[in-house]
Amino acid sequence: MPPAKSLNKHPARNTRIERRVENFGVRRSRRTSLCTLMKVVRLLRIPMRTLTRGRRRRQTRNEEEKEKRERKEQRVRKKRHMEATTTEAVKKHVAIQKSSEESNSDDTSD
């Protein structure tokens, strides 16, 4: 028997709603339309947010991943900056030491 005509503008959303409604203990036969399901949803006062949650969760996950990437990039930038400054400092220090050693050797030769 073919399934009852549902609101096939959003088939993925419909299956998601069906699945969530089943989670609330409502079984859907192949003859029950989504319209009837929605009536059940309203009667049971199941919040629509729990039924159509998919996209919002995906959006927040994307935002979290974006923030995570940004934090990682910031850490890498900070690390590189630290490495650059320390190498510069080391080079300066070595140069100062060499120049002081040279001046010391000049002093001892006199």
C-alpha atoms as a PDB file:
ATOM      1  CA  MET A   1       0.000   0.000   0.000  1.00  0.00           C
ATOM      2  CA  PRO A   2       1.490   3.384  -0.979  1.00  0.00           C
ATOM      3  CA  PRO A   3       2.108   5.880   1.789  1.00  0.00           C
ATOM      4  CA  ALA A   4      -0.468   8.587   2.342  1.00  0.00           C
ATOM      5  CA  LYS A   5       0.257  11.863   0.616  1.00  0.00           C
ATOM      6  CA  SER A   6       2.280  13.943   3.023  1.00  0.00           C
ATOM      7  CA  LEU A   7       3.642  17.451   2.690  1.00  0.00           C
ATOM      8  CA  ASN A   8       6.372  16.407   0.289  1.00  0.00           C
ATOM      9  CA  LYS A   9       7.836  19.871   0.003  1.00  0.00           C
ATOM     10  CA  HIS A  10      10.203  18.890   2.797  1.00  0.00           C
ATOM     11  CA  PRO A  11      10.602  15.106   2.646  1.00  0.00           C
ATOM     12  CA  ALA A  12      13.710  15.087   4.849  1.00  0.00           C
ATOM     13  CA  ARG A  13      11.996  17.235   7.444  1.00  0.00           C
ATOM     14  CA  ASN A  14       8.956  14.975   7.314  1.00  0.00           C
ATOM     15  CA  THR A  15      10.946  11.827   7.972  1.00  0.00           C
ATOM     16  CA  ARG A  16      12.738  13.633  10.791  1.00  0.00           C
ATOM     17  CA  ILE A  17       9.412  14.634  12.308  1.00  0.00           C
ATOM     18  CA  GLU A  18       8.125  11.073  11.906  1.00  0.00           C
ATOM     19  CA  ARG A  19      11.183   9.684  13.634  1.00  0.00           C
ATOM     20  CA  ARG A  20      10.948  12.141  16.513  1.00  0.00           C
ATOM     21  CA  VAL A  21       7.221  11.536  16.895  1.00  0.00           C
ATOM     22  CA  GLU A  22       7.975   7.815  17.107  1.00  0.00           C
ATOM     23  CA  ASN A  23      10.444   8.656  19.863  1.00  0.00           C
ATOM     24  CA  PHE A  24       7.491  10.084  21.768  1.00  0.00           C
ATOM     25  CA  GLY A  25       5.740   6.729  21.396  1.00  0.00           C
ATOM     26  CA  VAL A  26       3.530   7.549  18.406  1.00  0.00           C
ATOM     27  CA  ARG A  27       3.703   4.918  15.668  1.00  0.00           C
ATOM     28  CA  ARG A  28       2.904   5.936  12.129  1.00  0.00           C
ATOM     29  CA  SER A  29       1.233   3.465   9.810  1.00  0.00           C
ATOM     30  CA  ARG A  30       1.801   3.898   6.089  1.00  0.00           C
ATOM     31  CA  ARG A  31      -1.699   5.363   5.779  1.00  0.00           C
ATOM     32  CA  THR A  32      -1.281   8.128   8.333  1.00  0.00           C
ATOM     33  CA  SER A  33      -0.614  11.472   6.709  1.00  0.00           C
ATOM     34  CA  LEU A  34       1.835  13.936   8.117  1.00  0.00           C
ATOM     35  CA  CYS A  35      -1.114  16.236   8.707  1.00  0.00           C
ATOM     36  CA  THR A  36      -2.563  13.678  11.131  1.00  0.00           C
ATOM     37  CA  LEU A  37       0.838  13.306  12.715  1.00  0.00           C
ATOM     38  CA  MET A  38       1.029  17.036  13.263  1.00  0.00           C
ATOM     39  CA  LYS A  39      -2.389  16.928  14.929  1.00  0.00           C
ATOM     40  CA  VAL A  40      -1.016  14.272  17.265  1.00  0.00           C
ATOM     41  CA  VAL A  41       2.012  16.454  17.875  1.00  0.00           C
ATOM     42  CA  ARG A  42      -0.220  19.367  18.813  1.00  0.00           C
ATOM     43  CA  LEU A  43      -2.440  17.201  21.003  1.00  0.00           C
ATOM     44  CA  LEU A  44       0.531  15.775  22.854  1.00  0.00           C
ATOM     45  CA  ARG A  45       2.039  19.262  23.053  1.00  0.00           C
ATOM     46  CA  ILE A  46       5.357  18.021  21.687  1.00  0.00           C
ATOM     47  CA  PRO A  47       7.430  21.175  21.091  1.00  0.00           C
ATOM     48  CA  MET A  48       8.140  21.741  17.401  1.00  0.00           C
ATOM     49  CA  ARG A  49      11.745  22.598  18.231  1.00  0.00           C
ATOM     50  CA  THR A  50      12.393  19.016  19.276  1.00  0.00           C
ATOM     51  CA  LEU A  51      10.900  17.836  15.986  1.00  0.00           C
ATOM     52  CA  THR A  52      12.676  20.128  13.538  1.00  0.00           C
ATOM     53  CA  ARG A  53      15.971  20.508  15.322  1.00  0.00           C
ATOM     54  CA  GLY A  54      18.382  19.254  12.653  1.00  0.00           C
ATOM     55  CA  ARG A  55      19.465  22.383  10.801  1.00  0.00           C
ATOM     56  CA  ARG A  56      19.885  24.583  13.871  1.00  0.00           C
ATOM     57  CA  ARG A  57      22.165  22.046  15.519  1.00  0.00           C
ATOM     58  CA  ARG A  58      24.241  21.762  12.344  1.00  0.00           C
ATOM     59  CA  GLN A  59      24.542  25.561  12.206  1.00  0.00           C
ATOM     60  CA  THR A  60      25.782  25.805  15.790  1.00  0.00           C
ATOM     61  CA  ARG A  61      28.217  22.951  15.158  1.00  0.00           C
ATOM     62  CA  ASN A  62      29.614  24.827  12.143  1.00  0.00           C
ATOM     63  CA  GLU A  63      29.994  27.967  14.244  1.00  0.00           C
ATOM     64  CA  GLU A  64      31.750  25.998  16.994  1.00  0.00           C
ATOM     65  CA  GLU A  65      34.142  24.440  14.479  1.00  0.00           C
ATOM     66  CA  LYS A  66      34.824  27.890  13.025  1.00  0.00           C
ATOM     67  CA  GLU A  67      35.626  29.287  16.483  1.00  0.00           C
ATOM     68  CA  LYS A  68      37.821  26.255  17.198  1.00  0.00           C
ATOM     69  CA  ARG A  69      39.744  26.825  13.950  1.00  0.00           C
ATOM     70  CA  GLU A  70      40.168  30.520  14.764  1.00  0.00           C
ATOM     71  CA  ARG A  71      41.492  29.702  18.248  1.00  0.00           C
ATOM     72  CA  LYS A  72      43.917  27.182  16.754  1.00  0.00           C
ATOM     73  CA  GLU A  73      45.138  29.723  14.176  1.00  0.00           C
ATOM     74  CA  GLN A  74      45.569  32.288  16.936  1.00  0.00           C
ATOM     75  CA  ARG A  75      47.610  29.797  18.991  1.00  0.00           C
ATOM     76  CA  VAL A  76      49.793  29.020  15.975  1.00  0.00           C
ATOM     77  CA  ARG A  77      50.262  32.738  15.249  1.00  0.00           C
ATOM     78  CA  LYS A  78      51.211  33.393  18.878  1.00  0.00           C
ATOM     79  CA  LYS A  79      53.644  30.460  18.868  1.00  0.00           C
ATOM     80  CA  ARG A  80      55.277  31.622  15.627  1.00  0.00           C
ATOM     81  CA  HIS A  81      55.557  35.149  16.994  1.00  0.00           C
ATOM     82  CA  MET A  82      57.171  33.808  20.170  1.00  0.00           C
ATOM     83  CA  GLU A  83      59.597  31.693  18.154  1.00  0.00           C
ATOM     84  CA  ALA A  84      60.484  34.644  15.930  1.00  0.00           C
ATOM     85  CA  THR A  85      61.082  36.980  18.865  1.00  0.00           C
ATOM     86  CA  THR A  86      63.135  34.406  20.760  1.00  0.00           C
ATOM     87  CA  THR A  87      65.332  33.673  17.732  1.00  0.00           C
ATOM     88  CA  GLU A  88      65.842  37.413  17.243  1.00  0.00           C
ATOM     89  CA  ALA A  89      66.705  37.781  20.920  1.00  0.00           C
ATOM     90  CA  VAL A  90      69.106  34.835  20.723  1.00  0.00           C
ATOM     91  CA  LYS A  91      70.775  36.294  17.622  1.00  0.00           C
ATOM     92  CA  LYS A  92      71.162  39.664  19.357  1.00  0.00           C
ATOM     93  CA  HIS A  93      72.523  37.987  22.467  1.00  0.00           C
ATOM     94  CA  VAL A  94      75.018  35.942  20.435  1.00  0.00           C
ATOM     95  CA  ALA A  95      76.091  39.038  18.503  1.00  0.00           C
ATOM     96  CA  ILE A  96      76.596  40.975  21.740  1.00  0.00           C
ATOM     97  CA  GLN A  97      78.597  38.097  23.230  1.00  0.00           C
ATOM     98  CA  LYS A  98      80.809  37.835  20.146  1.00  0.00           C
ATOM     99  CA  SER A  99      81.448  41.568  20.083  1.00  0.00           C
ATOM    100  CA  SER A 100      82.244  41.581  23.806  1.00  0.00           C
ATOM    101  CA  GLU A 101      84.599  38.604  23.359  1.00  0.00           C
ATOM    102  CA  GLU A 102      86.338  40.390  20.497  1.00  0.00           C
ATOM    103  CA  SER A 103      86.721  43.526  22.579  1.00  0.00           C
ATOM    104  CA  ASN A 104      88.051  41.403  25.465  1.00  0.00           C
ATOM    105  CA  SER A 105      90.609  39.733  23.205  1.00  0.00           C
ATOM    106  CA  ASP A 106      91.656  43.188  21.980  1.00  0.00           C
ATOM    107  CA  ASP A 107      92.148  44.275  25.596  1.00  0.00           C
ATOM    108  CA  THR A 108      94.329  41.243  26.445  1.00  0.00           C
ATOM    109  CA  SER A 109      96.594  41.715  23.417  1.00  0.00           C
ATOM    110  CA  ASP A 110      97.652  45.178  24.668  1.00  0.00           C
END
